[in-house]
Amino acid sequence: MLSTERRDRNIVIVGPKTFPPVIGGIETHVYEVSRRLARKGFLVKVIVPGLDRDPRKEDIEGVHVARVPAIESRFTLKLSAIPSILRELRKSPRALVHAHDATGGYAAAIAADRRLFVYTMHGIGFTESDWMTPFRQGIRMMQTTALAHARHVFCTDAKAAEVARSVRTQAEILPNGVDSRLFQATLYPRPNEYGDAFVVLIVGRMTRVKGIPVLLDAIRLLPEVERKKMLFAFIGDGPLYQTVKLASNATPEILALGRVDHSAINPYFAHADAFVLPSLSEGMPFSLLEAMAAGLPCIASQVGGITTQIPSDRLMLVPPGSAMHLSDAITRLFDDRALARRLGERAREHVVAHCSWESVVDRIADVYREILGACPAQ
């Protein structure tokens, strides 16, 4: 039995897919926040869907990780884990529960004490156009349930906060963080795959909502003489990965790297020359913050938290869905290296000044202490 003092620092975090993370924004957020909370003296347990090859219970960097049974499939992984998440949550009835993602939030809304339930809304999950209608409706229901039941809600961008405030009054914007020290080129050798080309990096799930078809069209629109001096490095998996792979067979300047473990990805950022995020919908994407931390000139779609949380002089914005504008922006960065350098410097300055993990975790810890202080252990 934990002492009252220790119970008052008992935190259960419900994550989306895995821990430690492979490529994925919410996975990275949960990993970075949970291990820093453990360093602050909180007793942190993370519950995530687990696959057969994953250990069911383990301790990682001071965090107790419970991987619960789930079916490995894009559409069923999170849904199939809900019954097991509920069982795991009921083992810690007096803990403060902080859920991320719609399915984890829904499970916590059912099982957790409302006075001890915190929810982080990472973008608006039910607007993503690559989800089929029944799944979008389910995500909307689960996300709305989590918002309605939570004691405190964090949102990673202003658009998500706007939706959250249509359900509840309180919704605090708390953007993602990044450790800018990890993305310096001097720390890593240049990836062999890069050669001596001008490298344009793309990191994220290979889906329509991430703008992958738009980017492939933009690459085809580039003047051949310039395209042959470039390399487009795609990192991530997803339903359109095979489409990217097929495109790489026809266009040698496209490099389909697939999934890269988060622990190995920093050199790809550090030695790239530019970063592209042509999403049709976004919250506040991690990959963009990491690219900015690496000092890369960034091209991003004019959507979501990108337009509300990053000053427009820190990156190049293009209309979502426009292959022509995207192609022109890539050409401009390639042709004007002085502009590319200025944008990269401004991007890094913004991240260093405004996007530290320490400030994010300090705020989360303050909310935890406030809630736990108001609901002492019985």
Protein backbone atom coordinates (compact mmCIF):
# COMPACT_ATOMS: atom_id res chain seq x y z
CA MET A 1 0.00 0.00 0.00
CA LEU A 2 1.37 3.38 -1.01
CA SER A 3 1.60 6.10 1.61
CA THR A 4 -0.77 9.06 1.32
CA GLU A 5 2.10 11.27 0.11
CA ARG A 6 3.07 8.76 -2.58
CA ARG A 7 -0.54 8.19 -3.65
CA ASP A 8 -0.87 11.94 -4.09
CA ARG A 9 1.86 11.75 -6.75
CA ASN A 10 0.46 8.68 -8.50
CA ILE A 11 -0.12 9.38 -12.23
CA VAL A 12 -1.48 7.05 -14.91
CA ILE A 13 -1.02 8.20 -18.51
CA VAL A 14 -3.01 6.54 -21.29
CA GLY A 15 -1.04 6.75 -24.53
CA PRO A 16 -2.04 6.05 -28.12
CA LYS A 17 0.09 3.23 -29.59
CA THR A 18 3.55 2.49 -28.28
CA PHE A 19 6.31 3.44 -25.82
CA PRO A 20 9.10 4.38 -26.36
CA PRO A 21 7.85 5.93 -29.60
CA VAL A 22 8.43 5.15 -33.20
CA ILE A 23 7.49 8.00 -35.51
CA GLY A 24 4.33 9.60 -34.22
CA GLY A 25 3.53 12.93 -32.62
CA ILE A 26 1.37 11.81 -29.69
CA GLU A 27 3.71 8.91 -28.96
CA THR A 28 6.63 11.33 -28.73
CA HIS A 29 4.64 13.68 -26.50
CA VAL A 30 3.74 10.90 -24.04
CA TYR A 31 7.32 9.63 -23.96
CA GLU A 32 8.92 13.01 -23.40
CA VAL A 33 6.39 14.16 -20.80
CA SER A 34 6.20 10.94 -18.78
CA ARG A 35 9.94 10.51 -18.30
CA ARG A 36 10.33 14.14 -17.25
CA LEU A 37 7.45 13.81 -14.78
CA ALA A 38 9.19 10.78 -13.28
CA ARG A 39 12.30 12.88 -12.76
CA LYS A 40 10.18 15.38 -10.86
CA GLY A 41 9.20 12.68 -8.39
CA PHE A 42 5.82 11.61 -9.73
CA LEU A 43 5.04 7.89 -9.81
CA VAL A 44 4.24 7.46 -13.50
CA LYS A 45 2.56 4.52 -15.17
CA VAL A 46 1.86 4.57 -18.92
CA ILE A 47 -0.78 2.32 -20.46
CA VAL A 48 -0.52 1.70 -24.22
CA PRO A 49 -1.83 -0.89 -26.66
CA GLY A 50 0.74 -3.65 -27.03
CA LEU A 51 1.51 -6.17 -29.72
CA ASP A 52 2.43 -9.81 -29.19
CA ARG A 53 6.12 -9.07 -29.63
CA ASP A 54 6.07 -6.35 -26.92
CA PRO A 55 6.82 -7.07 -23.26
CA ARG A 56 3.65 -6.64 -21.24
CA LYS A 57 5.24 -4.80 -18.29
CA GLU A 58 8.59 -3.01 -18.07
CA ASP A 59 10.27 0.01 -16.52
CA ILE A 60 11.78 2.59 -18.91
CA GLU A 61 13.59 5.68 -17.63
CA GLY A 62 11.67 5.68 -14.38
CA VAL A 63 8.30 5.06 -16.05
CA HIS A 64 6.32 1.85 -15.50
CA VAL A 65 4.94 0.80 -18.90
CA ALA A 66 1.96 -1.54 -19.21
CA ARG A 67 1.33 -2.81 -22.74
CA VAL A 68 -2.19 -4.22 -22.95
CA PRO A 69 -3.52 -6.70 -25.54
CA ALA A 70 -4.57 -5.25 -28.89
CA ILE A 71 -5.05 -6.35 -32.49
CA GLU A 72 -2.39 -4.99 -34.86
CA SER A 73 -4.29 -3.16 -37.57
CA ARG A 74 -4.65 0.48 -38.51
CA PHE A 75 -8.39 0.51 -37.78
CA THR A 76 -8.54 -1.86 -34.81
CA LEU A 77 -5.33 -1.31 -32.82
CA LYS A 78 -6.67 1.38 -30.51
CA LEU A 79 -10.30 0.22 -30.45
CA SER A 80 -9.40 -3.36 -29.57
CA ALA A 81 -7.28 -2.14 -26.65
CA ILE A 82 -10.13 -0.30 -24.88
CA PRO A 83 -11.35 -3.26 -22.73
CA SER A 84 -7.81 -3.97 -21.56
CA ILE A 85 -7.15 -0.29 -20.88
CA LEU A 86 -10.29 -0.20 -18.74
CA ARG A 87 -9.12 -3.22 -16.73
CA GLU A 88 -5.70 -1.65 -16.22
CA LEU A 89 -7.19 1.70 -15.15
CA ARG A 90 -9.35 0.00 -12.53
CA LYS A 91 -6.17 -1.24 -10.83
CA SER A 92 -5.34 2.37 -9.88
CA PRO A 93 -8.69 3.88 -8.79
CA ARG A 94 -7.10 6.73 -6.80
CA ALA A 95 -4.54 7.82 -9.38
CA LEU A 96 -4.77 10.95 -11.48
CA VAL A 97 -5.39 9.77 -15.06
CA HIS A 98 -4.07 11.81 -17.99
CA ALA A 99 -5.31 10.50 -21.33
CA HIS A 100 -4.12 11.27 -24.85
CA ASP A 101 -5.90 10.49 -28.10
CA ALA A 102 -9.64 9.89 -28.49
CA THR A 103 -9.76 6.19 -27.58
CA GLY A 104 -7.61 6.61 -24.47
CA GLY A 105 -9.70 9.61 -23.48
CA TYR A 106 -12.91 7.66 -23.92
CA ALA A 107 -11.63 4.78 -21.78
CA ALA A 108 -10.52 7.21 -19.06
CA ALA A 109 -13.89 9.01 -19.17
CA ILE A 110 -15.57 5.67 -18.38
CA ALA A 111 -13.17 4.38 -15.74
CA ALA A 112 -11.52 7.37 -14.04
CA ASP A 113 -12.74 9.61 -11.24
CA ARG A 114 -13.83 12.80 -13.03
CA ARG A 115 -12.14 14.88 -10.35
CA LEU A 116 -8.83 13.21 -11.27
CA PHE A 117 -9.11 13.09 -15.06
CA VAL A 118 -6.95 15.25 -17.37
CA TYR A 119 -7.24 15.06 -21.15
CA THR A 120 -4.92 16.37 -23.87
CA MET A 121 -6.52 16.95 -27.26
CA HIS A 122 -3.87 16.55 -29.98
CA GLY A 123 -5.67 18.18 -32.89
CA ILE A 124 -9.16 17.40 -34.16
CA GLY A 125 -9.06 13.67 -34.89
CA PHE A 126 -12.49 13.39 -36.46
CA THR A 127 -11.78 15.85 -39.32
CA GLU A 128 -9.02 13.78 -40.91
CA SER A 129 -10.17 12.98 -44.42
CA ASP A 130 -8.28 9.69 -44.63
CA TRP A 131 -10.59 8.09 -42.04
CA MET A 132 -13.74 6.38 -43.32
CA THR A 133 -17.06 7.82 -42.15
CA PRO A 134 -17.87 5.26 -39.41
CA PHE A 135 -14.44 5.75 -37.86
CA ARG A 136 -14.69 9.55 -38.01
CA GLN A 137 -18.07 9.37 -36.26
CA GLY A 138 -16.62 7.08 -33.60
CA ILE A 139 -13.63 9.36 -33.04
CA ARG A 140 -15.95 12.37 -32.71
CA MET A 141 -18.06 10.56 -30.10
CA MET A 142 -15.04 9.41 -28.09
CA GLN A 143 -13.27 12.76 -28.24
CA THR A 144 -16.43 14.62 -27.22
CA THR A 145 -17.00 12.23 -24.31
CA ALA A 146 -13.45 12.78 -23.07
CA LEU A 147 -13.83 16.57 -23.32
CA ALA A 148 -17.11 16.54 -21.42
CA HIS A 149 -15.81 14.39 -18.54
CA ALA A 150 -12.30 15.77 -17.95
CA ARG A 151 -11.45 17.98 -14.97
CA HIS A 152 -8.80 19.83 -17.04
CA VAL A 153 -8.23 19.88 -20.81
CA PHE A 154 -5.03 20.76 -22.63
CA CYS A 155 -5.07 21.40 -26.39
CA THR A 156 -1.91 21.45 -28.48
CA ASP A 157 -3.22 24.13 -30.86
CA ALA A 158 -5.80 26.91 -31.11
CA LYS A 159 -8.06 25.08 -33.58
CA ALA A 160 -8.41 22.13 -31.22
CA ALA A 161 -9.11 24.52 -28.34
CA GLU A 162 -11.89 26.13 -30.37
CA VAL A 163 -13.57 22.75 -30.83
CA ALA A 164 -13.01 21.83 -27.17
CA ARG A 165 -14.64 25.07 -26.02
CA SER A 166 -17.78 24.19 -27.97
CA VAL A 167 -18.15 21.28 -25.53
CA ARG A 168 -16.81 22.86 -22.32
CA THR A 169 -15.69 26.27 -21.08
CA GLN A 170 -12.17 25.39 -19.95
CA ALA A 171 -9.54 24.40 -22.53
CA GLU A 172 -5.91 25.45 -22.14
CA ILE A 173 -3.55 25.69 -25.10
CA LEU A 174 -0.27 23.93 -24.29
CA PRO A 175 1.85 23.34 -27.41
CA ASN A 176 4.24 20.48 -27.94
CA GLY A 177 7.87 20.83 -26.95
CA VAL A 178 11.20 19.92 -28.49
CA ASP A 179 14.76 19.48 -27.23
CA SER A 180 16.67 21.72 -29.62
CA ARG A 181 20.04 20.45 -28.38
CA LEU A 182 19.50 17.08 -30.10
CA PHE A 183 19.41 18.29 -33.70
CA GLN A 184 22.88 19.75 -34.29
CA ALA A 185 24.69 18.37 -37.34
CA THR A 186 27.99 18.20 -35.46
CA LEU A 187 26.57 15.45 -33.23
CA TYR A 188 26.03 12.92 -36.04
CA PRO A 189 27.62 11.65 -39.25
CA ARG A 190 25.70 12.43 -42.42
CA PRO A 191 23.33 9.57 -43.36
CA ASN A 192 24.83 7.54 -46.20
CA GLU A 193 21.53 7.69 -48.09
CA TYR A 194 21.84 11.46 -48.46
CA GLY A 195 24.96 11.51 -50.61
CA ASP A 196 25.75 15.05 -51.74
CA ALA A 197 22.24 16.00 -52.86
CA PHE A 198 20.08 18.91 -51.66
CA VAL A 199 17.90 16.91 -49.24
CA VAL A 200 14.24 17.74 -48.74
CA LEU A 201 12.94 15.78 -45.73
CA ILE A 202 9.38 14.60 -45.12
CA VAL A 203 8.51 12.92 -41.79
CA GLY A 204 5.08 11.60 -40.83
CA ARG A 205 2.46 9.00 -41.60
CA MET A 206 2.14 8.31 -45.29
CA THR A 207 -1.52 9.32 -45.61
CA ARG A 208 -3.63 11.58 -47.78
CA VAL A 209 -4.28 14.00 -44.92
CA LYS A 210 -0.51 14.52 -44.61
CA GLY A 211 -0.49 15.70 -48.22
CA ILE A 212 1.61 12.85 -49.62
CA PRO A 213 -0.15 12.78 -53.04
CA VAL A 214 0.22 16.57 -53.25
CA LEU A 215 3.95 16.32 -52.58
CA LEU A 216 4.43 13.56 -55.15
CA ASP A 217 2.68 15.76 -57.74
CA ALA A 218 4.85 18.73 -56.72
CA ILE A 219 8.01 16.70 -57.24
CA ARG A 220 6.86 15.78 -60.76
CA LEU A 221 6.28 19.48 -61.51
CA LEU A 222 9.87 20.45 -60.66
CA PRO A 223 12.18 21.33 -63.55
CA GLU A 224 14.13 18.18 -64.30
CA VAL A 225 17.51 19.90 -64.22
CA GLU A 226 16.89 21.02 -60.61
CA ARG A 227 15.10 17.90 -59.45
CA LYS A 228 18.10 15.76 -60.40
CA LYS A 229 20.18 17.68 -57.83
CA MET A 230 17.68 17.02 -55.05
CA LEU A 231 16.74 14.07 -52.86
CA PHE A 232 13.29 13.74 -51.30
CA ALA A 233 13.62 11.59 -48.18
CA PHE A 234 10.27 10.19 -46.98
CA ILE A 235 10.33 8.86 -43.40
CA GLY A 236 7.26 7.11 -42.00
CA ASP A 237 4.86 4.34 -42.84
CA GLY A 238 1.13 4.20 -43.44
CA PRO A 239 -1.42 3.33 -46.11
CA LEU A 240 0.37 5.34 -48.85
CA TYR A 241 3.85 4.00 -48.16
CA GLN A 242 3.63 1.62 -51.13
CA THR A 243 2.54 4.54 -53.31
CA VAL A 244 5.71 6.39 -52.29
CA LYS A 245 7.76 3.25 -52.88
CA LEU A 246 6.35 2.87 -56.39
CA ALA A 247 7.04 6.54 -57.08
CA SER A 248 10.65 6.01 -56.02
CA ASN A 249 11.02 3.31 -58.67
CA ALA A 250 10.02 5.79 -61.37
CA THR A 251 11.74 8.83 -59.87
CA PRO A 252 15.20 8.08 -58.44
CA GLU A 253 15.22 11.38 -56.53
CA ILE A 254 12.55 9.95 -54.19
CA LEU A 255 13.90 7.93 -51.26
CA ALA A 256 11.33 5.86 -49.34
CA LEU A 257 12.99 5.14 -45.98
CA GLY A 258 9.86 3.82 -44.27
CA ARG A 259 9.65 3.66 -40.49
CA VAL A 260 12.71 4.91 -38.61
CA ASP A 261 12.89 4.45 -34.86
CA HIS A 262 12.67 7.72 -32.97
CA SER A 263 16.05 7.09 -31.34
CA ALA A 264 17.70 7.00 -34.78
CA ILE A 265 15.94 9.85 -36.56
CA ASN A 266 17.91 12.89 -35.38
CA PRO A 267 20.72 12.62 -37.99
CA TYR A 268 18.13 12.72 -40.79
CA PHE A 269 16.88 16.06 -39.49
CA ALA A 270 20.33 17.42 -38.66
CA HIS A 271 21.78 16.85 -42.15
CA ALA A 272 18.77 17.70 -44.33
CA ASP A 273 18.65 20.96 -46.29
CA ALA A 274 14.91 21.66 -46.12
CA PHE A 275 11.72 20.22 -44.63
CA VAL A 276 8.27 19.91 -46.17
CA LEU A 277 4.92 19.32 -44.43
CA PRO A 278 2.13 19.59 -47.05
CA SER A 279 -0.72 18.48 -44.72
CA LEU A 280 -4.38 19.06 -45.50
CA SER A 281 -5.14 19.19 -41.75
CA GLU A 282 -2.85 19.58 -38.73
CA GLY A 283 -2.69 20.42 -35.07
CA MET A 284 0.80 21.44 -33.97
CA PRO A 285 3.01 18.77 -35.58
CA PHE A 286 6.13 17.47 -33.83
CA SER A 287 8.01 16.85 -37.03
CA LEU A 288 7.79 20.54 -37.92
CA LEU A 289 9.13 21.60 -34.50
CA GLU A 290 11.98 19.10 -34.82
CA ALA A 291 12.84 20.39 -38.29
CA MET A 292 12.83 23.95 -36.96
CA ALA A 293 15.05 22.88 -34.05
CA ALA A 294 17.49 21.52 -36.63
CA GLY A 295 17.59 24.94 -38.28
CA LEU A 296 15.94 23.74 -41.49
CA PRO A 297 14.01 26.09 -43.75
CA CYS A 298 10.48 24.70 -43.61
CA ILE A 299 7.59 24.69 -46.07
CA ALA A 300 4.21 23.92 -44.51
CA SER A 301 0.55 24.11 -45.43
CA GLN A 302 -1.49 27.03 -44.17
CA VAL A 303 -3.57 24.92 -41.77
CA GLY A 304 -4.29 24.35 -38.09
CA GLY A 305 -1.90 25.35 -35.34
CA ILE A 306 0.86 26.02 -37.88
CA THR A 307 -0.78 29.33 -38.80
CA THR A 308 -1.73 30.38 -35.25
CA GLN A 309 1.34 29.38 -33.24
CA ILE A 310 4.31 29.98 -35.55
CA PRO A 311 5.05 33.49 -36.87
CA SER A 312 4.78 33.60 -40.65
CA ASP A 313 8.35 34.90 -41.06
CA ARG A 314 9.73 31.67 -39.52
CA LEU A 315 8.71 29.42 -42.41
CA MET A 316 7.16 29.35 -45.89
CA LEU A 317 3.41 28.78 -45.99
CA VAL A 318 1.60 27.36 -49.02
CA PRO A 319 -2.12 26.72 -49.67
CA PRO A 320 -3.10 23.15 -48.68
CA GLY A 321 -3.59 20.85 -51.63
CA SER A 322 -1.71 22.99 -54.17
CA ALA A 323 1.07 21.00 -55.84
CA MET A 324 2.00 24.01 -57.97
CA HIS A 325 2.57 26.34 -54.99
CA LEU A 326 4.48 23.61 -53.16
CA SER A 327 6.71 22.95 -56.17
CA ASP A 328 7.41 26.68 -56.54
CA ALA A 329 8.33 26.96 -52.83
CA ILE A 330 10.77 24.03 -53.06
CA THR A 331 12.37 25.57 -56.15
CA ARG A 332 12.71 28.91 -54.39
CA LEU A 333 14.56 27.38 -51.43
CA PHE A 334 16.83 25.45 -53.78
CA ASP A 335 17.63 28.52 -55.88
CA ASP A 336 17.99 31.04 -53.03
CA ARG A 337 20.27 29.49 -50.41
CA ALA A 338 20.58 32.81 -48.55
CA LEU A 339 16.80 32.83 -48.05
CA ALA A 340 16.90 29.19 -46.96
CA ARG A 341 19.61 29.98 -44.42
CA ARG A 342 17.70 32.98 -43.00
CA LEU A 343 14.50 30.95 -42.63
CA GLY A 344 16.37 28.13 -40.91
CA GLU A 345 17.99 30.52 -38.44
CA ARG A 346 14.65 32.17 -37.62
CA ALA A 347 12.99 28.79 -37.22
CA ARG A 348 15.55 27.59 -34.70
CA GLU A 349 15.40 30.88 -32.78
CA HIS A 350 11.62 30.47 -32.39
CA VAL A 351 11.84 26.89 -31.12
CA VAL A 352 14.62 27.65 -28.64
CA ALA A 353 12.69 30.62 -27.24
CA HIS A 354 9.15 29.19 -27.13
CA CYS A 355 9.03 25.38 -27.40
CA SER A 356 11.00 23.74 -24.59
CA TRP A 357 9.86 20.48 -23.01
CA GLU A 358 10.77 21.86 -19.61
CA SER A 359 8.14 24.61 -19.79
CA VAL A 360 5.49 22.14 -21.06
CA VAL A 361 6.14 19.65 -18.27
CA ASP A 362 6.32 22.35 -15.60
CA ARG A 363 2.81 23.47 -16.54
CA ILE A 364 1.44 19.91 -16.56
CA ALA A 365 3.00 19.25 -13.14
CA ASP A 366 1.41 22.44 -11.76
CA VAL A 367 -2.04 21.26 -12.91
CA TYR A 368 -1.46 17.82 -11.40
CA ARG A 369 -0.49 19.31 -8.04
CA GLU A 370 -3.52 21.60 -8.05
CA ILE A 371 -5.92 18.74 -8.80
CA LEU A 372 -4.32 16.29 -6.39
CA GLY A 373 -4.23 18.94 -3.67
CA ALA A 374 -7.97 19.49 -4.09
CA CYS A 375 -8.68 15.72 -4.01
CA PRO A 376 -6.47 14.25 -1.27
CA ALA A 377 -6.16 10.47 -1.02
CA GLN A 378 -8.75 8.84 1.21
